[in-house]
């Protein structure tokens, strides 16, 4: 059954396309559209989970689609920034490896009828990733050197949180692997 929170998740998935298209158009209106769509997608992520839990309308479909929507938004935006030579490919690689490991661990858990829900570190990682991506998208417009330095510092924070949250999931799911 599709409810309000799941509709928001589907909207987030649909907003990935205009973000991706507009990031590659080197024109102010397109870059603004990319930022606005990214922020709207980020807001749906913030709202849908709280809405579902508050009204007790969590569904299997929503629980399945939500992390996919997050990964599509974040990973494809990072990929676009790699293609534009704004973000190093090794950063994107670390993010992808962590996501594959955590998803694999979740699949192992699900096979044993165990739910590995998002950790606080994972949620913090996603929030910092999204904030950092917004700043990178904004700097595509302004191309400011000081702003770029701040972005790169935040990128190192993202890498640290990505590694730490991945290790946290692996530690919590170590019995599933062993």
C-alpha atoms as a PDB file:
ATOM      1  CA  UNK A   1       0.000   0.000   0.000  1.00  0.00           C
ATOM      2  CA  UNK A   2       1.280   3.440  -0.884  1.00  0.00           C
ATOM      3  CA  UNK A   3       0.848   6.038   1.841  1.00  0.00           C
ATOM      4  CA  UNK A   4       1.973   9.660   2.248  1.00  0.00           C
ATOM      5  CA  UNK A   5       5.511   8.918   3.447  1.00  0.00           C
ATOM      6  CA  UNK A   6       6.039   6.448   0.602  1.00  0.00           C
ATOM      7  CA  UNK A   7       4.831   9.058  -1.895  1.00  0.00           C
ATOM      8  CA  UNK A   8       7.466  11.429  -0.487  1.00  0.00           C
ATOM      9  CA  UNK A   9      10.097   8.725  -0.966  1.00  0.00           C
ATOM     10  CA  UNK A  10       8.965   8.239  -4.576  1.00  0.00           C
ATOM     11  CA  UNK A  11       9.166  12.005  -5.119  1.00  0.00           C
ATOM     12  CA  UNK A  12      12.743  11.904  -3.787  1.00  0.00           C
ATOM     13  CA  UNK A  13      13.594   9.232  -6.343  1.00  0.00           C
ATOM     14  CA  UNK A  14      12.041  11.300  -9.135  1.00  0.00           C
ATOM     15  CA  UNK A  15      13.958  14.420  -8.062  1.00  0.00           C
ATOM     16  CA  UNK A  16      17.271  12.645  -8.636  1.00  0.00           C
ATOM     17  CA  UNK A  17      16.870  12.987 -12.435  1.00  0.00           C
ATOM     18  CA  UNK A  18      16.631  16.795 -12.559  1.00  0.00           C
ATOM     19  CA  UNK A  19      19.512  17.053 -10.075  1.00  0.00           C
ATOM     20  CA  UNK A  20      21.682  14.882 -12.298  1.00  0.00           C
ATOM     21  CA  UNK A  21      20.710  16.598 -15.545  1.00  0.00           C
ATOM     22  CA  UNK A  22      21.030  20.143 -14.216  1.00  0.00           C
ATOM     23  CA  UNK A  23      24.385  19.577 -12.514  1.00  0.00           C
ATOM     24  CA  UNK A  24      25.924  18.989 -15.944  1.00  0.00           C
ATOM     25  CA  UNK A  25      24.464  22.131 -17.513  1.00  0.00           C
ATOM     26  CA  UNK A  26      26.929  24.946 -16.959  1.00  0.00           C
ATOM     27  CA  UNK A  27      24.336  27.689 -16.618  1.00  0.00           C
ATOM     28  CA  UNK A  28      23.055  29.521 -13.550  1.00  0.00           C
ATOM     29  CA  UNK A  29      19.360  28.573 -13.950  1.00  0.00           C
ATOM     30  CA  UNK A  30      20.199  24.874 -14.341  1.00  0.00           C
ATOM     31  CA  UNK A  31      22.521  24.854 -11.327  1.00  0.00           C
ATOM     32  CA  UNK A  32      19.848  26.610  -9.242  1.00  0.00           C
ATOM     33  CA  UNK A  33      17.322  23.960 -10.315  1.00  0.00           C
ATOM     34  CA  UNK A  34      19.810  21.255  -9.280  1.00  0.00           C
ATOM     35  CA  UNK A  35      20.202  22.827  -5.835  1.00  0.00           C
ATOM     36  CA  UNK A  36      16.467  23.361  -5.339  1.00  0.00           C
ATOM     37  CA  UNK A  37      15.649  19.787  -6.416  1.00  0.00           C
ATOM     38  CA  UNK A  38      18.388  18.409  -4.165  1.00  0.00           C
ATOM     39  CA  UNK A  39      17.101  20.409  -1.171  1.00  0.00           C
ATOM     40  CA  UNK A  40      13.508  19.330  -1.869  1.00  0.00           C
ATOM     41  CA  UNK A  41      14.650  15.702  -2.071  1.00  0.00           C
ATOM     42  CA  UNK A  42      16.590  16.124   1.169  1.00  0.00           C
ATOM     43  CA  UNK A  43      13.494  17.562   2.858  1.00  0.00           C
ATOM     44  CA  UNK A  44      11.395  14.577   1.767  1.00  0.00           C
ATOM     45  CA  UNK A  45      13.968  12.355   3.462  1.00  0.00           C
ATOM     46  CA  UNK A  46      13.676  14.388   6.638  1.00  0.00           C
ATOM     47  CA  UNK A  47       9.862  14.350   6.603  1.00  0.00           C
ATOM     48  CA  UNK A  48       8.883  10.873   5.387  1.00  0.00           C
ATOM     49  CA  UNK A  49      10.458   8.787   8.135  1.00  0.00           C
ATOM     50  CA  UNK A  50       9.167  10.983  10.923  1.00  0.00           C
ATOM     51  CA  UNK A  51       5.702  11.025   9.385  1.00  0.00           C
ATOM     52  CA  UNK A  52       5.619   7.227   9.019  1.00  0.00           C
ATOM     53  CA  UNK A  53       6.788   6.632  12.601  1.00  0.00           C
ATOM     54  CA  UNK A  54       4.567   9.324  14.104  1.00  0.00           C
ATOM     55  CA  UNK A  55       1.410   8.032  12.429  1.00  0.00           C
ATOM     56  CA  UNK A  56       2.493   4.374  12.695  1.00  0.00           C
ATOM     57  CA  UNK A  57       2.228   3.867   8.938  1.00  0.00           C
ATOM     58  CA  UNK A  58       5.616   2.257   8.331  1.00  0.00           C
ATOM     59  CA  UNK A  59       5.314  -0.162   5.403  1.00  0.00           C
ATOM     60  CA  UNK A  60       7.655  -2.758   3.943  1.00  0.00           C
ATOM     61  CA  UNK A  61       7.605  -0.849   0.652  1.00  0.00           C
ATOM     62  CA  UNK A  62       8.556   2.394   2.370  1.00  0.00           C
ATOM     63  CA  UNK A  63      11.275   0.704   4.423  1.00  0.00           C
ATOM     64  CA  UNK A  64      12.632  -0.830   1.207  1.00  0.00           C
ATOM     65  CA  UNK A  65      12.483   2.316  -0.946  1.00  0.00           C
ATOM     66  CA  UNK A  66      13.738   4.871   1.605  1.00  0.00           C
ATOM     67  CA  UNK A  67      17.388   3.751   1.765  1.00  0.00           C
ATOM     68  CA  UNK A  68      17.410   3.230  -2.019  1.00  0.00           C
ATOM     69  CA  UNK A  69      16.156   6.785  -2.528  1.00  0.00           C
ATOM     70  CA  UNK A  70      18.821   8.118  -0.154  1.00  0.00           C
ATOM     71  CA  UNK A  71      21.588   6.208  -1.912  1.00  0.00           C
ATOM     72  CA  UNK A  72      20.380   7.293  -5.347  1.00  0.00           C
ATOM     73  CA  UNK A  73      20.325  10.943  -4.334  1.00  0.00           C
ATOM     74  CA  UNK A  74      23.640  10.975  -2.496  1.00  0.00           C
ATOM     75  CA  UNK A  75      25.668   8.552  -4.610  1.00  0.00           C
ATOM     76  CA  UNK A  76      24.554   9.860  -7.992  1.00  0.00           C
ATOM     77  CA  UNK A  77      25.208  13.440  -6.902  1.00  0.00           C
ATOM     78  CA  UNK A  78      28.671  12.437  -5.699  1.00  0.00           C
ATOM     79  CA  UNK A  79      29.201  10.631  -9.011  1.00  0.00           C
ATOM     80  CA  UNK A  80      28.243  13.789 -10.922  1.00  0.00           C
ATOM     81  CA  UNK A  81      30.754  15.769  -8.868  1.00  0.00           C
ATOM     82  CA  UNK A  82      33.425  13.153  -9.611  1.00  0.00           C
ATOM     83  CA  UNK A  83      32.683  13.444 -13.345  1.00  0.00           C
ATOM     84  CA  UNK A  84      32.992  17.243 -13.037  1.00  0.00           C
ATOM     85  CA  UNK A  85      36.362  16.746 -11.256  1.00  0.00           C
ATOM     86  CA  UNK A  86      35.062  18.462  -8.127  1.00  0.00           C
ATOM     87  CA  UNK A  87      35.266  15.402  -5.863  1.00  0.00           C
ATOM     88  CA  UNK A  88      38.031  12.794  -5.967  1.00  0.00           C
ATOM     89  CA  UNK A  89      37.094   9.342  -7.155  1.00  0.00           C
ATOM     90  CA  UNK A  90      38.658   7.739  -4.037  1.00  0.00           C
ATOM     91  CA  UNK A  91      36.105   9.570  -1.853  1.00  0.00           C
ATOM     92  CA  UNK A  92      33.276   8.240  -3.992  1.00  0.00           C
ATOM     93  CA  UNK A  93      34.847   4.768  -3.857  1.00  0.00           C
ATOM     94  CA  UNK A  94      34.894   4.767  -0.050  1.00  0.00           C
ATOM     95  CA  UNK A  95      31.250   5.848   0.038  1.00  0.00           C
ATOM     96  CA  UNK A  96      30.224   3.125  -2.421  1.00  0.00           C
ATOM     97  CA  UNK A  97      32.192   0.376  -0.687  1.00  0.00           C
ATOM     98  CA  UNK A  98      30.642   1.290   2.676  1.00  0.00           C
ATOM     99  CA  UNK A  99      27.148   1.288   1.156  1.00  0.00           C
ATOM    100  CA  UNK A 100      27.675  -2.102  -0.513  1.00  0.00           C
ATOM    101  CA  UNK A 101      29.036  -3.602   2.718  1.00  0.00           C
ATOM    102  CA  UNK A 102      26.159  -2.271   4.816  1.00  0.00           C
ATOM    103  CA  UNK A 103      23.565  -3.339   2.236  1.00  0.00           C
ATOM    104  CA  UNK A 104      25.122  -6.804   2.059  1.00  0.00           C
ATOM    105  CA  UNK A 105      25.067  -7.058   5.832  1.00  0.00           C
ATOM    106  CA  UNK A 106      21.419  -6.000   5.858  1.00  0.00           C
ATOM    107  CA  UNK A 107      20.601  -8.676   3.285  1.00  0.00           C
ATOM    108  CA  UNK A 108      22.349 -11.301   5.418  1.00  0.00           C
ATOM    109  CA  UNK A 109      20.370 -10.102   8.419  1.00  0.00           C
ATOM    110  CA  UNK A 110      17.087 -10.110   6.515  1.00  0.00           C
ATOM    111  CA  UNK A 111      17.741 -13.674   5.402  1.00  0.00           C
ATOM    112  CA  UNK A 112      17.877 -14.585   9.093  1.00  0.00           C
ATOM    113  CA  UNK A 113      14.743 -12.511   9.806  1.00  0.00           C
ATOM    114  CA  UNK A 114      16.794  -9.854  11.628  1.00  0.00           C
ATOM    115  CA  UNK A 115      16.350  -6.156  10.934  1.00  0.00           C
ATOM    116  CA  UNK A 116      19.434  -3.957  10.981  1.00  0.00           C
ATOM    117  CA  UNK A 117      17.936  -0.506  11.246  1.00  0.00           C
ATOM    118  CA  UNK A 118      19.841   2.660  10.473  1.00  0.00           C
ATOM    119  CA  UNK A 119      22.291   3.579  13.195  1.00  0.00           C
ATOM    120  CA  UNK A 120      22.695   7.070  14.621  1.00  0.00           C
ATOM    121  CA  UNK A 121      26.110   7.221  12.963  1.00  0.00           C
ATOM    122  CA  UNK A 122      24.586   6.220   9.635  1.00  0.00           C
ATOM    123  CA  UNK A 123      21.937   8.903   9.931  1.00  0.00           C
ATOM    124  CA  UNK A 124      24.559  11.485  10.909  1.00  0.00           C
ATOM    125  CA  UNK A 125      26.691  10.407   7.938  1.00  0.00           C
ATOM    126  CA  UNK A 126      23.774  10.862   5.548  1.00  0.00           C
ATOM    127  CA  UNK A 127      22.902  14.268   7.004  1.00  0.00           C
ATOM    128  CA  UNK A 128      26.509  15.503   6.731  1.00  0.00           C
ATOM    129  CA  UNK A 129      26.778  14.059   3.209  1.00  0.00           C
ATOM    130  CA  UNK A 130      23.643  15.901   2.105  1.00  0.00           C
ATOM    131  CA  UNK A 131      24.732  19.179   3.698  1.00  0.00           C
ATOM    132  CA  UNK A 132      28.171  18.845   2.095  1.00  0.00           C
ATOM    133  CA  UNK A 133      26.641  18.074  -1.293  1.00  0.00           C
ATOM    134  CA  UNK A 134      24.477  21.190  -1.099  1.00  0.00           C
ATOM    135  CA  UNK A 135      27.574  23.279  -0.436  1.00  0.00           C
ATOM    136  CA  UNK A 136      29.383  21.655  -3.370  1.00  0.00           C
ATOM    137  CA  UNK A 137      26.388  22.333  -5.626  1.00  0.00           C
ATOM    138  CA  UNK A 138      26.293  25.960  -4.483  1.00  0.00           C
ATOM    139  CA  UNK A 139      29.998  26.303  -5.216  1.00  0.00           C
ATOM    140  CA  UNK A 140      29.392  25.110  -8.779  1.00  0.00           C
ATOM    141  CA  UNK A 141      27.725  28.496  -9.175  1.00  0.00           C
ATOM    142  CA  UNK A 142      30.148  30.710  -7.243  1.00  0.00           C
ATOM    143  CA  UNK A 143      33.420  28.829  -7.792  1.00  0.00           C
ATOM    144  CA  UNK A 144      34.908  30.447  -4.695  1.00  0.00           C
ATOM    145  CA  UNK A 145      38.319  29.187  -3.518  1.00  0.00           C
ATOM    146  CA  UNK A 146      37.585  29.710   0.204  1.00  0.00           C
ATOM    147  CA  UNK A 147      34.275  27.918  -0.196  1.00  0.00           C
ATOM    148  CA  UNK A 148      36.086  25.072  -1.970  1.00  0.00           C
ATOM    149  CA  UNK A 149      38.460  24.709   0.995  1.00  0.00           C
ATOM    150  CA  UNK A 150      35.512  24.495   3.414  1.00  0.00           C
ATOM    151  CA  UNK A 151      33.880  21.928   1.114  1.00  0.00           C
ATOM    152  CA  UNK A 152      37.021  19.809   1.078  1.00  0.00           C
ATOM    153  CA  UNK A 153      37.288  19.904   4.869  1.00  0.00           C
ATOM    154  CA  UNK A 154      33.650  18.776   5.064  1.00  0.00           C
ATOM    155  CA  UNK A 155      34.456  16.068   2.537  1.00  0.00           C
ATOM    156  CA  UNK A 156      37.083  14.652   4.906  1.00  0.00           C
ATOM    157  CA  UNK A 157      34.478  14.706   7.677  1.00  0.00           C
ATOM    158  CA  UNK A 158      32.157  12.783   5.345  1.00  0.00           C
ATOM    159  CA  UNK A 159      34.883  10.200   4.677  1.00  0.00           C
ATOM    160  CA  UNK A 160      35.555   9.769   8.411  1.00  0.00           C
ATOM    161  CA  UNK A 161      31.829   9.415   9.199  1.00  0.00           C
ATOM    162  CA  UNK A 162      31.396   7.029   6.265  1.00  0.00           C
ATOM    163  CA  UNK A 163      34.204   4.754   7.460  1.00  0.00           C
ATOM    164  CA  UNK A 164      33.156   4.989  11.103  1.00  0.00           C
ATOM    165  CA  UNK A 165      29.480   4.256  10.425  1.00  0.00           C
ATOM    166  CA  UNK A 166      30.472   1.349   8.172  1.00  0.00           C
ATOM    167  CA  UNK A 167      32.670  -0.109  10.907  1.00  0.00           C
ATOM    168  CA  UNK A 168      29.832   0.434  13.395  1.00  0.00           C
ATOM    169  CA  UNK A 169      27.456  -1.611  11.202  1.00  0.00           C
ATOM    170  CA  UNK A 170      30.075  -4.318  10.733  1.00  0.00           C
ATOM    171  CA  UNK A 171      30.663  -4.503  14.478  1.00  0.00           C
ATOM    172  CA  UNK A 172      26.929  -4.719  15.207  1.00  0.00           C
ATOM    173  CA  UNK A 173      26.462  -7.375  12.525  1.00  0.00           C
ATOM    174  CA  UNK A 174      29.650  -9.332  13.186  1.00  0.00           C
ATOM    175  CA  UNK A 175      27.722 -12.371  14.425  1.00  0.00           C
ATOM    176  CA  UNK A 176      25.866 -12.512  11.108  1.00  0.00           C
ATOM    177  CA  UNK A 177      29.124 -12.686   9.197  1.00  0.00           C
ATOM    178  CA  UNK A 178      30.893 -15.171  11.493  1.00  0.00           C
END
